[in-house]
Amino acid sequence: MEKTVLITGAANGLGKALVEEFARHGWMVFAADIEPVPSFHPDIIPLQMDVTDSASIKEVYTTVTGNISYLDLLLNCTGIYEAYPLSEISYEDLFRIYSVNTFGAFRVIRQFVPLLLPARGRIVSVSSESVKFPSLFQPYQATKIALEAIHRTIGQELYLKGIRMALIRPGAIQTRLAGEVDRLVNPVQDSIFEREFARFAAMAPRFRGRILSPEKAAAKIYKKITRRHLRPVYRINNNPLLSLIAAVPERWMMRLLKWMLDRDYKIPNSTIQIPNKFQ
């Protein structure tokens, strides 16, 4: 019997690559995004859905239930990236990124649980390796940390009903989201952090590590999450440098960041690389 999957964030980047990967393996794919989703295969059903709008999600649910009676897998890939000083940004701006990255997945999970129950399906959400190292000017990491907390709480509940859940923590992937790191601009007018943010923006791309193509990342993810036994967390293309940084005591890290952003600290023009034997 044909397997079924709903993938959000399906129009671009990793989500689009995952749609193609699942379709290639014979799955019926419901591909949802706020933007138009290209369909190149008869088993790909494009759907327009806004994860910040419960009515939009319910409309998609109605469409999906009109085609199938159960869902084997729900794959949350929707995400946006922004950077700014959280101590200066408006509530509305901060809530926007949470509404997509954190509560978007929650809304979709909440709506589609009834369709996952008959098949004792799986729910997989894309997080980020950056949850290991929350950083200044980075609401993205904060939203992913919150996503993981909500995901795990729901996972403990749904485990009682036979639904298994997993998190994916990918490193750098060549997507539109990753490209935002190359052109960071502080949106806060007359920010007290203008100087520090400019230096942070210059440094950020150099800590990105090795970049993986969406297609290769999708192939790795597909292989892992379709195995018989699902693990709680999977790491894809993680940068060992971030693990080392995350191990530094917080008080030392705060002093180091201040030194790097306050002073005329120069980092090499070339991207920081980790030897292959450590990757």
Protein backbone atom coordinates (compact mmCIF):
# COMPACT_ATOMS: atom_id res chain seq x y z
CA MET A 1 0.00 0.00 0.00
CA GLU A 2 1.29 3.48 -0.91
CA LYS A 3 2.79 5.47 1.94
CA THR A 4 1.57 9.03 2.56
CA VAL A 5 3.40 12.12 3.81
CA LEU A 6 2.56 15.78 4.35
CA ILE A 7 5.56 18.12 4.03
CA THR A 8 5.36 21.79 4.98
CA GLY A 9 7.74 24.44 3.65
CA ALA A 10 7.65 22.46 0.41
CA ALA A 11 8.20 25.21 -2.17
CA ASN A 12 11.90 25.82 -1.65
CA GLY A 13 15.14 24.57 -0.16
CA LEU A 14 15.16 21.50 2.05
CA GLY A 15 11.38 21.12 1.96
CA LYS A 16 11.33 21.00 -1.85
CA ALA A 17 14.21 18.51 -1.88
CA LEU A 18 12.36 16.29 0.59
CA VAL A 19 9.21 16.39 -1.55
CA GLU A 20 11.24 15.15 -4.52
CA GLU A 21 13.02 12.51 -2.43
CA PHE A 22 9.81 11.01 -1.03
CA ALA A 23 8.10 11.04 -4.43
CA ARG A 24 11.13 9.29 -5.94
CA HIS A 25 10.66 6.50 -3.40
CA GLY A 26 7.00 6.01 -4.30
CA TRP A 27 5.26 7.99 -1.56
CA MET A 28 2.12 10.05 -2.09
CA VAL A 29 3.32 13.53 -1.11
CA PHE A 30 1.09 16.37 0.03
CA ALA A 31 3.39 19.37 -0.48
CA ALA A 32 2.25 22.45 1.43
CA ASP A 33 3.63 25.99 1.45
CA ILE A 34 2.44 29.59 1.54
CA GLU A 35 4.15 29.96 -1.87
CA PRO A 36 3.18 27.97 -4.98
CA VAL A 37 4.65 24.47 -4.93
CA PRO A 38 5.98 23.05 -8.23
CA SER A 39 4.73 19.57 -9.07
CA PHE A 40 6.72 17.35 -11.44
CA HIS A 41 5.24 13.99 -10.43
CA PRO A 42 1.68 12.58 -10.34
CA ASP A 43 2.14 11.54 -6.70
CA ILE A 44 2.91 15.13 -5.59
CA ILE A 45 -0.18 17.07 -4.58
CA PRO A 46 0.65 20.79 -4.15
CA LEU A 47 -1.28 22.67 -1.48
CA GLN A 48 -1.22 26.31 -0.40
CA MET A 49 -1.05 26.67 3.38
CA ASP A 50 -0.09 29.41 5.81
CA VAL A 51 1.21 27.82 9.03
CA THR A 52 0.42 31.03 10.95
CA ASP A 53 -3.28 30.74 10.05
CA SER A 54 -5.31 27.97 11.71
CA ALA A 55 -8.12 28.38 9.16
CA SER A 56 -5.66 27.81 6.30
CA ILE A 57 -4.31 24.67 7.99
CA LYS A 58 -7.83 23.36 8.56
CA GLU A 59 -8.68 23.92 4.91
CA VAL A 60 -5.67 21.85 3.86
CA TYR A 61 -6.64 19.17 6.37
CA THR A 62 -10.07 18.95 4.73
CA THR A 63 -8.45 18.59 1.31
CA VAL A 64 -6.07 15.88 2.51
CA THR A 65 -8.83 13.89 4.25
CA GLY A 66 -10.77 14.04 1.01
CA ASN A 67 -7.97 12.06 -0.64
CA ILE A 68 -6.76 9.67 2.08
CA SER A 69 -8.01 8.12 5.31
CA TYR A 70 -4.67 8.13 7.16
CA LEU A 71 -1.26 9.78 7.12
CA ASP A 72 2.00 7.87 7.66
CA LEU A 73 4.25 10.86 8.22
CA LEU A 74 4.02 14.58 8.98
CA LEU A 75 7.24 16.47 8.19
CA ASN A 76 7.50 20.07 9.44
CA CYS A 77 10.06 22.02 7.37
CA THR A 78 8.64 25.54 7.42
CA GLY A 79 11.02 28.15 8.78
CA ILE A 80 12.23 31.72 8.38
CA TYR A 81 15.47 33.35 9.47
CA GLU A 82 15.84 36.82 10.96
CA ALA A 83 18.51 38.54 13.04
CA TYR A 84 18.23 41.62 15.27
CA PRO A 85 18.80 42.75 18.86
CA LEU A 86 16.01 41.11 20.85
CA SER A 87 16.33 43.75 23.57
CA GLU A 88 15.25 46.43 21.07
CA ILE A 89 12.87 44.71 18.68
CA SER A 90 9.09 45.09 18.90
CA TYR A 91 6.86 42.36 20.26
CA GLU A 92 5.11 42.11 16.89
CA ASP A 93 8.39 41.47 15.05
CA LEU A 94 9.53 38.88 17.56
CA PHE A 95 6.17 37.13 17.56
CA ARG A 96 6.24 36.84 13.76
CA ILE A 97 9.25 34.52 13.71
CA TYR A 98 7.89 32.48 16.62
CA SER A 99 4.53 32.22 14.85
CA VAL A 100 6.22 30.55 11.87
CA ASN A 101 9.11 28.57 13.36
CA THR A 102 7.58 27.44 16.65
CA PHE A 103 3.81 27.77 16.67
CA GLY A 104 3.53 26.96 12.97
CA ALA A 105 4.66 23.39 13.62
CA PHE A 106 2.43 23.24 16.70
CA ARG A 107 -0.65 24.31 14.72
CA VAL A 108 0.00 21.74 11.99
CA ILE A 109 0.66 18.91 14.45
CA ARG A 110 -2.45 19.77 16.45
CA GLN A 111 -4.63 19.70 13.32
CA PHE A 112 -3.26 16.51 11.76
CA VAL A 113 -3.05 14.21 14.80
CA PRO A 114 -6.44 12.56 13.99
CA LEU A 115 -5.12 11.58 10.56
CA LEU A 116 -1.94 10.11 12.03
CA LEU A 117 -3.67 7.96 14.64
CA PRO A 118 -5.07 5.20 12.32
CA ALA A 119 -1.61 4.34 10.94
CA ARG A 120 0.27 5.15 14.15
CA GLY A 121 2.23 7.55 12.02
CA ARG A 122 5.31 9.65 12.66
CA ILE A 123 5.93 13.35 13.15
CA VAL A 124 9.31 14.81 12.28
CA SER A 125 10.22 18.48 12.75
CA VAL A 126 13.27 20.26 11.38
CA SER A 127 15.14 22.13 14.12
CA SER A 128 18.73 23.40 13.87
CA GLU A 129 22.19 22.49 15.13
CA SER A 130 22.35 26.05 16.50
CA VAL A 131 20.16 25.05 19.47
CA LYS A 132 23.46 23.97 21.08
CA PHE A 133 24.69 27.55 21.13
CA PRO A 134 22.10 30.31 21.69
CA SER A 135 23.67 33.56 20.57
CA LEU A 136 23.08 37.30 20.75
CA PHE A 137 21.03 38.88 17.92
CA GLN A 138 19.63 35.42 17.06
CA PRO A 139 15.86 34.95 17.53
CA TYR A 140 16.05 32.01 15.10
CA GLN A 141 17.87 29.86 17.63
CA ALA A 142 15.44 30.84 20.36
CA THR A 143 12.47 29.76 18.21
CA LYS A 144 14.07 26.39 17.50
CA ILE A 145 14.80 25.79 21.20
CA ALA A 146 11.14 26.52 21.93
CA LEU A 147 10.08 24.24 19.08
CA GLU A 148 12.12 21.38 20.52
CA ALA A 149 10.57 21.83 23.97
CA ILE A 150 7.02 21.79 22.59
CA HIS A 151 7.86 18.92 20.23
CA ARG A 152 9.18 16.74 23.04
CA THR A 153 6.22 17.43 25.32
CA ILE A 154 3.76 16.53 22.56
CA GLY A 155 5.93 13.52 21.72
CA GLN A 156 5.58 12.12 25.23
CA GLU A 157 1.80 12.47 24.97
CA LEU A 158 1.44 10.95 21.51
CA TYR A 159 3.78 8.09 22.38
CA LEU A 160 0.89 6.82 24.52
CA LYS A 161 -1.16 6.52 21.32
CA GLY A 162 1.51 4.88 19.19
CA ILE A 163 2.71 7.99 17.32
CA ARG A 164 6.49 8.44 17.26
CA MET A 165 8.21 11.82 16.92
CA ALA A 166 11.72 12.92 15.97
CA LEU A 167 13.75 16.10 15.57
CA ILE A 168 16.24 16.82 12.78
CA ARG A 169 19.14 19.14 13.66
CA PRO A 170 20.76 20.01 10.33
CA GLY A 171 23.89 22.07 9.94
CA ALA A 172 24.48 24.41 7.00
CA ILE A 173 22.39 23.60 3.92
CA GLN A 174 22.53 25.58 0.68
CA THR A 175 19.07 27.13 0.92
CA ARG A 176 17.51 30.57 0.74
CA LEU A 177 17.37 30.61 4.53
CA ALA A 178 21.10 29.95 4.83
CA GLY A 179 21.78 32.72 2.33
CA GLU A 180 20.23 35.25 4.70
CA VAL A 181 23.29 34.88 6.94
CA ASP A 182 25.42 36.48 4.21
CA ARG A 183 23.46 39.74 4.20
CA LEU A 184 22.48 40.56 7.76
CA VAL A 185 21.28 44.11 8.39
CA ASN A 186 20.06 45.44 11.72
CA PRO A 187 16.43 46.52 11.14
CA VAL A 188 16.27 48.56 14.36
CA GLN A 189 16.56 52.28 13.74
CA ASP A 190 19.11 54.12 15.91
CA SER A 191 20.12 50.85 17.56
CA ILE A 192 22.56 51.05 20.45
CA PHE A 193 24.14 47.89 19.00
CA GLU A 194 24.80 49.24 15.51
CA ARG A 195 28.58 48.80 15.76
CA GLU A 196 28.44 45.38 17.43
CA PHE A 197 25.77 44.10 15.04
CA ALA A 198 27.81 45.14 12.00
CA ARG A 199 30.77 43.15 13.29
CA PHE A 200 28.54 40.21 14.16
CA ALA A 201 27.13 40.28 10.60
CA ALA A 202 30.66 40.16 9.17
CA MET A 203 31.64 37.23 11.41
CA ALA A 204 28.51 35.05 11.20
CA PRO A 205 29.07 33.46 7.75
CA ARG A 206 32.56 32.34 8.74
CA PHE A 207 31.22 30.07 11.46
CA ARG A 208 28.80 28.28 9.17
CA GLY A 209 31.04 25.31 8.40
CA ARG A 210 30.70 22.91 5.49
CA ILE A 211 27.57 23.49 3.38
CA LEU A 212 25.49 20.53 2.19
CA SER A 213 23.20 20.60 -0.84
CA PRO A 214 19.44 20.27 -0.12
CA GLU A 215 19.33 17.10 -2.22
CA LYS A 216 22.06 15.36 -0.22
CA ALA A 217 20.50 16.49 3.06
CA ALA A 218 17.08 15.22 1.95
CA ALA A 219 18.52 11.82 1.01
CA LYS A 220 20.18 11.50 4.42
CA ILE A 221 17.00 12.54 6.23
CA TYR A 222 14.81 10.17 4.22
CA LYS A 223 17.08 7.24 5.01
CA LYS A 224 17.07 7.98 8.73
CA ILE A 225 13.40 8.74 9.37
CA THR A 226 11.99 5.84 7.33
CA ARG A 227 13.86 3.19 9.28
CA ARG A 228 11.88 0.78 11.40
CA HIS A 229 12.99 2.36 14.66
CA LEU A 230 12.84 6.12 14.98
CA ARG A 231 15.37 7.93 17.18
CA PRO A 232 14.40 11.11 19.07
CA VAL A 233 17.09 13.29 17.44
CA TYR A 234 19.06 13.08 14.20
CA ARG A 235 22.05 15.30 13.37
CA ILE A 236 22.83 16.09 9.74
CA ASN A 237 26.06 17.83 8.66
CA ASN A 238 26.72 19.37 12.08
CA ASN A 239 29.72 21.64 12.54
CA PRO A 240 32.10 20.32 15.25
CA LEU A 241 33.20 23.89 15.92
CA LEU A 242 29.77 24.75 17.33
CA SER A 243 29.97 21.79 19.69
CA LEU A 244 33.30 23.05 20.97
CA ILE A 245 31.92 26.57 21.42
CA ALA A 246 28.85 25.22 23.23
CA ALA A 247 31.14 23.51 25.76
CA VAL A 248 32.68 26.82 26.85
CA PRO A 249 31.27 28.07 30.19
CA GLU A 250 28.73 30.82 29.60
CA ARG A 251 30.54 33.51 31.57
CA TRP A 252 33.67 32.94 29.47
CA MET A 253 31.66 32.93 26.28
CA MET A 254 30.03 36.25 27.12
CA ARG A 255 33.45 37.81 27.73
CA LEU A 256 34.78 36.35 24.49
CA LEU A 257 31.84 37.70 22.49
CA LYS A 258 32.26 41.12 24.05
CA TRP A 259 35.96 41.12 23.18
CA MET A 260 35.27 40.05 19.59
CA LEU A 261 32.51 42.60 19.01
CA ASP A 262 33.85 45.53 21.02
CA ARG A 263 37.43 45.56 19.80
CA ASP A 264 39.15 45.69 16.48
CA TYR A 265 39.26 41.91 16.29
CA LYS A 266 40.00 40.63 12.81
CA ILE A 267 39.05 37.14 11.73
CA PRO A 268 40.52 35.54 8.59
CA ASN A 269 38.84 36.25 5.25
CA SER A 270 38.50 32.53 4.53
CA THR A 271 35.67 30.52 6.05
CA ILE A 272 36.66 28.57 9.14
CA GLN A 273 37.09 24.95 8.14
CA ILE A 274 37.27 21.76 10.19
CA PRO A 275 39.57 18.98 8.95
CA ASN A 276 37.66 16.17 7.25
CA LYS A 277 38.72 13.63 9.86
CA PHE A 278 36.73 15.56 12.46
CA GLN A 279 33.57 15.95 10.33
